[in-house]
Amino acid sequence: MPKIGIRELKANASAIVHDVQEQRAHYIVTLRGTPVAVLMPVDPLPGENPEQGYGDEDIWKELERLGALLSESWPPEMNSVDALSKMRR
């Protein structure tokens, strides 16, 4: 999943969102090199029933997958409490 800085996202928002919608691209958004968000499509995959929605198990599996993805690039010396404190300053 490519990383994109907040400045690049701001400068190219329309093209990036179009890429997410049309190509189903996923991006990790960074602020000063630190991952802060994931940009991904919210529409159902082809073949999925939009009326049915997502089941609880599907949502938890996706959250676990995203958590693992974020932890891969998380600085080992920073815990979540420190990260939240830093964000609030």
C-alpha atoms as a PDB file:
ATOM      1  CA  MET A   1       0.000   0.000   0.000  1.00  0.00           C
ATOM      2  CA  PRO A   2       1.637   3.276  -1.044  1.00  0.00           C
ATOM      3  CA  LYS A   3       2.225   6.041   1.469  1.00  0.00           C
ATOM      4  CA  ILE A   4       1.187   9.599   0.663  1.00  0.00           C
ATOM      5  CA  GLY A   5       2.104  12.713   2.599  1.00  0.00           C
ATOM      6  CA  ILE A   6      -0.592  15.107   3.706  1.00  0.00           C
ATOM      7  CA  ARG A   7       0.782  17.873   1.448  1.00  0.00           C
ATOM      8  CA  GLU A   8       0.711  15.620  -1.603  1.00  0.00           C
ATOM      9  CA  LEU A   9      -2.820  14.522  -0.685  1.00  0.00           C
ATOM     10  CA  LYS A  10      -3.920  18.147  -0.419  1.00  0.00           C
ATOM     11  CA  ALA A  11      -2.320  19.098  -3.733  1.00  0.00           C
ATOM     12  CA  ASN A  12      -3.713  16.105  -5.636  1.00  0.00           C
ATOM     13  CA  ALA A  13      -6.895  15.279  -3.709  1.00  0.00           C
ATOM     14  CA  SER A  14      -9.198  15.012  -6.726  1.00  0.00           C
ATOM     15  CA  ALA A  15      -6.893  12.695  -8.665  1.00  0.00           C
ATOM     16  CA  ILE A  16      -6.174  10.541  -5.605  1.00  0.00           C
ATOM     17  CA  VAL A  17      -9.838  10.161  -4.657  1.00  0.00           C
ATOM     18  CA  HIS A  18     -10.639   9.331  -8.275  1.00  0.00           C
ATOM     19  CA  ASP A  19      -7.913   6.661  -8.164  1.00  0.00           C
ATOM     20  CA  VAL A  20      -9.417   5.250  -4.956  1.00  0.00           C
ATOM     21  CA  GLN A  21     -12.882   5.154  -6.505  1.00  0.00           C
ATOM     22  CA  GLU A  22     -11.988   3.854  -9.967  1.00  0.00           C
ATOM     23  CA  GLN A  23      -8.921   1.697  -9.273  1.00  0.00           C
ATOM     24  CA  ARG A  24      -9.868   0.722  -5.698  1.00  0.00           C
ATOM     25  CA  ALA A  25      -6.481   2.064  -4.595  1.00  0.00           C
ATOM     26  CA  HIS A  26      -5.512   2.169  -0.928  1.00  0.00           C
ATOM     27  CA  TYR A  27      -3.155   4.742   0.603  1.00  0.00           C
ATOM     28  CA  ILE A  28      -1.539   5.230   3.995  1.00  0.00           C
ATOM     29  CA  VAL A  29      -1.662   8.955   4.728  1.00  0.00           C
ATOM     30  CA  THR A  30       1.355  10.261   6.633  1.00  0.00           C
ATOM     31  CA  LEU A  31       2.008  13.401   8.629  1.00  0.00           C
ATOM     32  CA  ARG A  32       5.715  14.190   8.923  1.00  0.00           C
ATOM     33  CA  GLY A  33       6.444  10.602   7.920  1.00  0.00           C
ATOM     34  CA  THR A  34       4.168   9.056  10.557  1.00  0.00           C
ATOM     35  CA  PRO A  35       1.149   7.034   9.370  1.00  0.00           C
ATOM     36  CA  VAL A  36      -2.059   8.733  10.554  1.00  0.00           C
ATOM     37  CA  ALA A  37      -4.850   7.431   8.317  1.00  0.00           C
ATOM     38  CA  VAL A  38      -5.835   4.968   5.631  1.00  0.00           C
ATOM     39  CA  LEU A  39      -7.611   6.104   2.493  1.00  0.00           C
ATOM     40  CA  MET A  40      -9.606   3.315   0.860  1.00  0.00           C
ATOM     41  CA  PRO A  41     -12.848   2.790  -1.058  1.00  0.00           C
ATOM     42  CA  VAL A  42     -16.051   2.275   0.894  1.00  0.00           C
ATOM     43  CA  ASP A  43     -18.225   0.881  -1.873  1.00  0.00           C
ATOM     44  CA  PRO A  44     -18.796  -2.877  -2.012  1.00  0.00           C
ATOM     45  CA  LEU A  45     -16.579  -5.098  -4.092  1.00  0.00           C
ATOM     46  CA  PRO A  46     -17.984  -6.380  -7.404  1.00  0.00           C
ATOM     47  CA  GLY A  47     -20.302  -9.288  -6.701  1.00  0.00           C
ATOM     48  CA  GLU A  48     -21.142  -8.141  -3.166  1.00  0.00           C
ATOM     49  CA  ASN A  49     -24.728  -7.322  -2.322  1.00  0.00           C
ATOM     50  CA  PRO A  50     -24.844  -3.666  -1.183  1.00  0.00           C
ATOM     51  CA  GLU A  51     -28.215  -4.291   0.458  1.00  0.00           C
ATOM     52  CA  GLN A  52     -26.686  -6.935   2.685  1.00  0.00           C
ATOM     53  CA  GLY A  53     -23.855  -4.731   3.940  1.00  0.00           C
ATOM     54  CA  TYR A  54     -20.898  -6.099   5.815  1.00  0.00           C
ATOM     55  CA  GLY A  55     -21.245  -8.661   8.575  1.00  0.00           C
ATOM     56  CA  ASP A  56     -19.664  -8.134  11.974  1.00  0.00           C
ATOM     57  CA  GLU A  57     -17.049 -10.802  11.251  1.00  0.00           C
ATOM     58  CA  ASP A  58     -16.053  -9.108   7.992  1.00  0.00           C
ATOM     59  CA  ILE A  59     -15.658  -5.765   9.734  1.00  0.00           C
ATOM     60  CA  TRP A  60     -13.479  -7.228  12.503  1.00  0.00           C
ATOM     61  CA  LYS A  61     -11.324  -9.110   9.977  1.00  0.00           C
ATOM     62  CA  GLU A  62     -10.795  -5.905   8.010  1.00  0.00           C
ATOM     63  CA  LEU A  63      -9.947  -3.940  11.170  1.00  0.00           C
ATOM     64  CA  GLU A  64      -7.464  -6.624  12.219  1.00  0.00           C
ATOM     65  CA  ARG A  65      -5.891  -6.577   8.751  1.00  0.00           C
ATOM     66  CA  LEU A  66      -5.560  -2.787   8.819  1.00  0.00           C
ATOM     67  CA  GLY A  67      -4.158  -2.887  12.358  1.00  0.00           C
ATOM     68  CA  ALA A  68      -1.491  -5.367  11.271  1.00  0.00           C
ATOM     69  CA  LEU A  69      -0.679  -3.210   8.254  1.00  0.00           C
ATOM     70  CA  LEU A  70      -0.272  -0.091  10.384  1.00  0.00           C
ATOM     71  CA  SER A  71       1.830  -1.918  12.967  1.00  0.00           C
ATOM     72  CA  GLU A  72       4.324  -2.865  10.255  1.00  0.00           C
ATOM     73  CA  SER A  73       5.340   0.771   9.852  1.00  0.00           C
ATOM     74  CA  TRP A  74       4.783   1.869  13.465  1.00  0.00           C
ATOM     75  CA  PRO A  75       7.989   3.121  15.145  1.00  0.00           C
ATOM     76  CA  PRO A  76       8.948   0.490  17.767  1.00  0.00           C
ATOM     77  CA  GLU A  77       9.983   3.117  20.318  1.00  0.00           C
ATOM     78  CA  MET A  78       6.547   4.834  20.342  1.00  0.00           C
ATOM     79  CA  ASN A  79       3.477   3.419  22.076  1.00  0.00           C
ATOM     80  CA  SER A  80      -0.101   4.482  21.381  1.00  0.00           C
ATOM     81  CA  VAL A  81      -0.350   6.674  24.505  1.00  0.00           C
ATOM     82  CA  ASP A  82       2.731   8.664  23.435  1.00  0.00           C
ATOM     83  CA  ALA A  83       1.369   8.977  19.893  1.00  0.00           C
ATOM     84  CA  LEU A  84      -1.965  10.358  21.144  1.00  0.00           C
ATOM     85  CA  SER A  85      -0.182  12.782  23.467  1.00  0.00           C
ATOM     86  CA  LYS A  86       1.975  14.016  20.609  1.00  0.00           C
ATOM     87  CA  MET A  87      -1.072  14.475  18.356  1.00  0.00           C
ATOM     88  CA  ARG A  88      -2.884  16.571  20.972  1.00  0.00           C
ATOM     89  CA  ARG A  89      -0.070  19.117  21.293  1.00  0.00           C
END
